[in-house]
Amino acid sequence: MPASSRTKAFAAYLFFALGAILVLLLSRKDRFAVFHARQSLILSGAALLAVTIWVVLAYPLAWIPLLGPPLASSTFGLVIAAFIMLIVLWAMGMVYALQAKEKRVPLIGNAVKRWR
């Protein structure tokens, strides 16, 4: 595995969605880098989705008298848990990229498999 492929794959994780999009646009023929860029893009989308779902759920909850604000703010704990999980998955992807392994990270690996 050339070092340039590993570097591109690592950069796809390091620079989140922007890095993944750049790798997908500029290195389409590098199968290894594209594989990791797809994983990174799905992880970035999952992070954005977690925050979006929280906003959609918490905003209406905040308007319920007395119980709403504590419920809305407590749901933020779910977002923190999702982000901790995503950080672990990002780190796993970075390690796989540096080790030149085309290995899927847990939970989102099947989405990457279908995206070919």
Protein backbone atom coordinates (compact mmCIF):
# COMPACT_ATOMS: atom_id res chain seq x y z
CA MET A 1 0.00 0.00 0.00
CA PRO A 2 1.58 3.31 -1.03
CA ALA A 3 2.08 5.90 1.68
CA SER A 4 0.13 8.44 -0.39
CA SER A 5 -3.00 6.25 -0.21
CA ARG A 6 -2.69 5.94 3.55
CA THR A 7 -2.16 9.70 3.85
CA LYS A 8 -5.25 10.46 1.77
CA ALA A 9 -7.33 7.98 3.76
CA PHE A 10 -6.12 9.47 7.04
CA ALA A 11 -6.82 13.01 5.80
CA ALA A 12 -10.38 11.99 4.97
CA TYR A 13 -10.94 11.31 8.67
CA LEU A 14 -8.79 14.15 9.99
CA PHE A 15 -10.63 16.89 8.10
CA PHE A 16 -14.10 15.35 8.56
CA ALA A 17 -16.59 15.91 5.72
CA LEU A 18 -14.40 18.38 3.83
CA GLY A 19 -11.48 15.94 3.75
CA ALA A 20 -13.73 13.10 2.67
CA ILE A 21 -15.28 15.15 -0.12
CA LEU A 22 -11.87 16.27 -1.36
CA VAL A 23 -10.59 12.71 -1.42
CA LEU A 24 -13.72 11.56 -3.27
CA LEU A 25 -13.35 14.34 -5.84
CA LEU A 26 -9.58 14.28 -6.34
CA SER A 27 -8.65 10.62 -5.86
CA ARG A 28 -11.45 8.62 -7.43
CA LYS A 29 -9.05 5.94 -8.71
CA ASP A 30 -7.47 5.31 -5.32
CA ARG A 31 -9.80 2.56 -4.09
CA PHE A 32 -8.34 2.47 -0.58
CA ALA A 33 -8.60 6.23 -0.01
CA VAL A 34 -12.14 6.32 -1.45
CA PHE A 35 -13.21 3.50 0.87
CA HIS A 36 -12.06 5.43 3.92
CA ALA A 37 -13.44 8.72 2.57
CA ARG A 38 -16.87 7.11 2.30
CA GLN A 39 -16.67 5.92 5.89
CA SER A 40 -15.60 9.35 7.05
CA LEU A 41 -18.42 11.01 5.13
CA ILE A 42 -20.99 8.68 6.68
CA LEU A 43 -19.57 9.40 10.16
CA SER A 44 -19.79 13.14 9.48
CA GLY A 45 -23.38 12.71 8.34
CA ALA A 46 -24.19 10.75 11.48
CA ALA A 47 -22.79 13.56 13.64
CA LEU A 48 -24.88 16.12 11.78
CA LEU A 49 -27.94 13.89 12.03
CA ALA A 50 -27.51 13.49 15.80
CA VAL A 51 -27.49 17.24 16.34
CA THR A 52 -30.41 17.76 13.95
CA ILE A 53 -32.54 15.15 15.68
CA TRP A 54 -31.76 16.72 19.05
CA VAL A 55 -32.81 20.18 17.83
CA VAL A 56 -36.01 18.83 16.31
CA LEU A 57 -36.91 17.01 19.53
CA ALA A 58 -35.64 19.48 22.12
CA TYR A 59 -37.15 22.65 20.71
CA PRO A 60 -40.79 21.53 21.00
CA LEU A 61 -40.08 19.95 24.39
CA ALA A 62 -38.71 23.23 25.70
CA TRP A 63 -42.14 24.85 25.30
CA ILE A 64 -43.88 22.44 27.68
CA PRO A 65 -44.38 24.28 30.98
CA LEU A 66 -42.27 23.12 33.95
CA LEU A 67 -41.15 19.74 32.57
CA GLY A 68 -40.12 20.87 29.09
CA PRO A 69 -36.82 22.66 29.70
CA PRO A 70 -35.33 19.91 31.91
CA LEU A 71 -36.44 17.24 29.42
CA ALA A 72 -35.05 19.19 26.48
CA SER A 73 -31.70 19.74 28.13
CA SER A 74 -31.45 16.16 29.36
CA THR A 75 -31.82 14.87 25.80
CA PHE A 76 -28.53 16.59 25.08
CA GLY A 77 -26.91 13.74 27.02
CA LEU A 78 -27.94 11.46 24.15
CA VAL A 79 -26.14 13.73 21.71
CA ILE A 80 -23.01 13.61 23.88
CA ALA A 81 -23.21 9.80 23.98
CA ALA A 82 -23.60 9.68 20.18
CA PHE A 83 -20.60 11.98 19.74
CA ILE A 84 -18.44 9.87 22.06
CA MET A 85 -19.35 6.80 20.01
CA LEU A 86 -18.60 8.65 16.75
CA ILE A 87 -15.21 9.83 18.06
CA VAL A 88 -14.30 6.22 18.87
CA LEU A 89 -15.38 5.14 15.38
CA TRP A 90 -13.41 8.01 13.80
CA ALA A 91 -10.32 6.96 15.76
CA MET A 92 -10.78 3.36 14.64
CA GLY A 93 -11.03 4.50 11.03
CA MET A 94 -7.88 6.59 11.38
CA VAL A 95 -5.98 3.64 12.82
CA TYR A 96 -7.21 1.35 10.03
CA ALA A 97 -6.18 3.93 7.43
CA LEU A 98 -2.68 4.30 8.90
CA GLN A 99 -2.30 0.52 9.15
CA ALA A 100 -3.35 0.19 5.47
CA LYS A 101 -6.35 -1.95 6.37
CA GLU A 102 -9.52 -1.73 4.33
CA LYS A 103 -11.62 -2.66 7.32
CA ARG A 104 -15.11 -1.34 8.02
CA VAL A 105 -15.76 0.38 11.32
CA PRO A 106 -18.61 -1.05 13.41
CA LEU A 107 -22.18 0.19 13.04
CA ILE A 108 -21.70 2.08 9.78
CA GLY A 109 -19.68 -0.48 7.84
CA ASN A 110 -22.70 -1.97 6.14
CA ALA A 111 -23.72 1.46 4.80
CA VAL A 112 -20.31 1.79 3.16
CA LYS A 113 -20.63 -1.71 1.72
CA ARG A 114 -23.92 -0.76 0.03
CA TRP A 115 -22.44 2.51 -1.32
CA ARG A 116 -20.46 1.13 -4.26
